[in-house]
Amino acid sequence: MYLQKPCLISKIISIGNSKDVRLPKSFVSDWEDDQELIIEKHNDTIIIIPKKNNRENWVEQIMACEGPKKEEEYFPNEFDEKEWTW
């Protein structure tokens, strides 16, 4: 068995119909108590990754976008180009 540092040996705990593993606070100190996690299983390895907030910096991202375009820029058609007059 290959262990990377820092490492911890723990046991699986049964709670109702679930199985839990306790993690020391030092492993998850920068995670919130209600942090969503992505859990992957690859053969005999379980990987736990904190799910990133999809809305992180969303205001800055929206502000960096171009302003709304005119509808005709999205959907030009033959009628608009040849027959329509303003």
C-alpha atoms as a PDB file:
ATOM      1  CA  MET A   1       0.000   0.000   0.000  1.00  0.00           C
ATOM      2  CA  TYR A   2       1.286   3.449  -0.974  1.00  0.00           C
ATOM      3  CA  LEU A   3       0.537   6.350   1.364  1.00  0.00           C
ATOM      4  CA  GLN A   4       1.317   9.966   0.599  1.00  0.00           C
ATOM      5  CA  LYS A   5       1.970  12.421   3.408  1.00  0.00           C
ATOM      6  CA  PRO A   6       0.070  13.744   5.184  1.00  0.00           C
ATOM      7  CA  CYS A   7      -1.700  10.460   5.763  1.00  0.00           C
ATOM      8  CA  LEU A   8      -4.161   9.054   8.242  1.00  0.00           C
ATOM      9  CA  ILE A   9      -5.415   5.591   8.977  1.00  0.00           C
ATOM     10  CA  SER A  10      -9.086   5.560   9.913  1.00  0.00           C
ATOM     11  CA  LYS A  11     -11.982   3.123  10.161  1.00  0.00           C
ATOM     12  CA  ILE A  12     -15.354   3.012   8.456  1.00  0.00           C
ATOM     13  CA  ILE A  13     -18.206   3.846  10.827  1.00  0.00           C
ATOM     14  CA  SER A  14     -21.772   2.607  10.298  1.00  0.00           C
ATOM     15  CA  ILE A  15     -24.455   5.238  10.906  1.00  0.00           C
ATOM     16  CA  GLY A  16     -27.909   4.002   9.926  1.00  0.00           C
ATOM     17  CA  ASN A  17     -27.777   2.820   6.321  1.00  0.00           C
ATOM     18  CA  SER A  18     -24.655   4.882   5.605  1.00  0.00           C
ATOM     19  CA  LYS A  19     -20.960   4.305   6.026  1.00  0.00           C
ATOM     20  CA  ASP A  20     -18.852   7.232   7.211  1.00  0.00           C
ATOM     21  CA  VAL A  21     -15.188   8.016   7.572  1.00  0.00           C
ATOM     22  CA  ARG A  22     -14.044  10.660  10.025  1.00  0.00           C
ATOM     23  CA  LEU A  23     -11.526  13.150   8.733  1.00  0.00           C
ATOM     24  CA  PRO A  24      -9.353  15.237  11.035  1.00  0.00           C
ATOM     25  CA  LYS A  25      -9.986  18.980  11.071  1.00  0.00           C
ATOM     26  CA  SER A  26      -6.501  19.645   9.714  1.00  0.00           C
ATOM     27  CA  PHE A  27      -7.477  17.829   6.488  1.00  0.00           C
ATOM     28  CA  VAL A  28     -10.610  19.891   5.901  1.00  0.00           C
ATOM     29  CA  SER A  29      -9.964  23.111   7.821  1.00  0.00           C
ATOM     30  CA  ASP A  30     -10.608  25.317   4.772  1.00  0.00           C
ATOM     31  CA  TRP A  31     -13.955  23.635   3.942  1.00  0.00           C
ATOM     32  CA  GLU A  32     -17.299  24.829   5.284  1.00  0.00           C
ATOM     33  CA  ASP A  33     -19.430  22.462   7.390  1.00  0.00           C
ATOM     34  CA  ASP A  34     -22.026  22.195   4.607  1.00  0.00           C
ATOM     35  CA  GLN A  35     -19.434  22.025   1.796  1.00  0.00           C
ATOM     36  CA  GLU A  36     -20.587  19.894  -1.137  1.00  0.00           C
ATOM     37  CA  LEU A  37     -18.078  17.248  -2.149  1.00  0.00           C
ATOM     38  CA  ILE A  38     -17.382  15.297  -5.290  1.00  0.00           C
ATOM     39  CA  ILE A  39     -16.595  11.691  -4.389  1.00  0.00           C
ATOM     40  CA  GLU A  40     -15.010   9.418  -6.968  1.00  0.00           C
ATOM     41  CA  LYS A  41     -14.120   5.758  -6.707  1.00  0.00           C
ATOM     42  CA  HIS A  42     -11.333   4.319  -8.830  1.00  0.00           C
ATOM     43  CA  ASN A  43     -10.731   0.635  -8.085  1.00  0.00           C
ATOM     44  CA  ASP A  44      -9.615   0.618  -4.427  1.00  0.00           C
ATOM     45  CA  THR A  45      -9.114   4.386  -4.198  1.00  0.00           C
ATOM     46  CA  ILE A  46     -11.673   6.956  -3.040  1.00  0.00           C
ATOM     47  CA  ILE A  47     -11.021  10.578  -4.006  1.00  0.00           C
ATOM     48  CA  ILE A  48     -12.802  13.443  -2.203  1.00  0.00           C
ATOM     49  CA  ILE A  49     -12.757  16.840  -3.921  1.00  0.00           C
ATOM     50  CA  PRO A  50     -14.542  19.972  -2.682  1.00  0.00           C
ATOM     51  CA  LYS A  51     -17.118  21.130  -5.223  1.00  0.00           C
ATOM     52  CA  LYS A  52     -16.379  24.646  -6.386  1.00  0.00           C
ATOM     53  CA  ASN A  53     -19.024  27.304  -6.215  1.00  0.00           C
ATOM     54  CA  ASN A  54     -20.229  27.787  -9.802  1.00  0.00           C
ATOM     55  CA  ARG A  55     -21.341  31.314  -8.990  1.00  0.00           C
ATOM     56  CA  GLU A  56     -18.000  32.380  -7.590  1.00  0.00           C
ATOM     57  CA  ASN A  57     -17.048  35.721  -9.145  1.00  0.00           C
ATOM     58  CA  TRP A  58     -20.197  35.651 -11.297  1.00  0.00           C
ATOM     59  CA  VAL A  59     -20.785  39.391 -10.977  1.00  0.00           C
ATOM     60  CA  GLU A  60     -17.290  40.149 -12.294  1.00  0.00           C
ATOM     61  CA  GLN A  61     -17.756  37.634 -15.120  1.00  0.00           C
ATOM     62  CA  ILE A  62     -21.055  39.208 -16.196  1.00  0.00           C
ATOM     63  CA  MET A  63     -19.606  42.703 -16.019  1.00  0.00           C
ATOM     64  CA  ALA A  64     -16.712  41.605 -18.252  1.00  0.00           C
ATOM     65  CA  CYS A  65     -19.095  40.352 -20.970  1.00  0.00           C
ATOM     66  CA  GLU A  66     -20.044  42.471 -23.951  1.00  0.00           C
ATOM     67  CA  GLY A  67     -23.331  44.300 -23.810  1.00  0.00           C
ATOM     68  CA  PRO A  68     -26.437  42.831 -25.462  1.00  0.00           C
ATOM     69  CA  LYS A  69     -26.360  42.653 -29.240  1.00  0.00           C
ATOM     70  CA  LYS A  70     -29.216  43.604 -31.495  1.00  0.00           C
ATOM     71  CA  GLU A  71     -31.442  40.708 -32.484  1.00  0.00           C
ATOM     72  CA  GLU A  72     -30.613  41.113 -36.175  1.00  0.00           C
ATOM     73  CA  GLU A  73     -26.928  40.530 -35.387  1.00  0.00           C
ATOM     74  CA  TYR A  74     -27.888  37.108 -34.057  1.00  0.00           C
ATOM     75  CA  PHE A  75     -30.420  36.087 -36.720  1.00  0.00           C
ATOM     76  CA  PRO A  76     -29.790  37.860 -40.012  1.00  0.00           C
ATOM     77  CA  ASN A  77     -32.034  36.687 -42.818  1.00  0.00           C
ATOM     78  CA  GLU A  78     -32.730  37.469 -46.461  1.00  0.00           C
ATOM     79  CA  PHE A  79     -35.842  39.528 -45.670  1.00  0.00           C
ATOM     80  CA  ASP A  80     -33.890  41.794 -43.330  1.00  0.00           C
ATOM     81  CA  GLU A  81     -31.061  42.228 -45.814  1.00  0.00           C
ATOM     82  CA  LYS A  82     -33.072  42.871 -49.006  1.00  0.00           C
ATOM     83  CA  GLU A  83     -36.722  43.721 -48.364  1.00  0.00           C
ATOM     84  CA  TRP A  84     -37.020  45.481 -45.036  1.00  0.00           C
ATOM     85  CA  THR A  85     -36.681  49.250 -44.907  1.00  0.00           C
ATOM     86  CA  TRP A  86     -36.612  51.400 -41.826  1.00  0.00           C
END
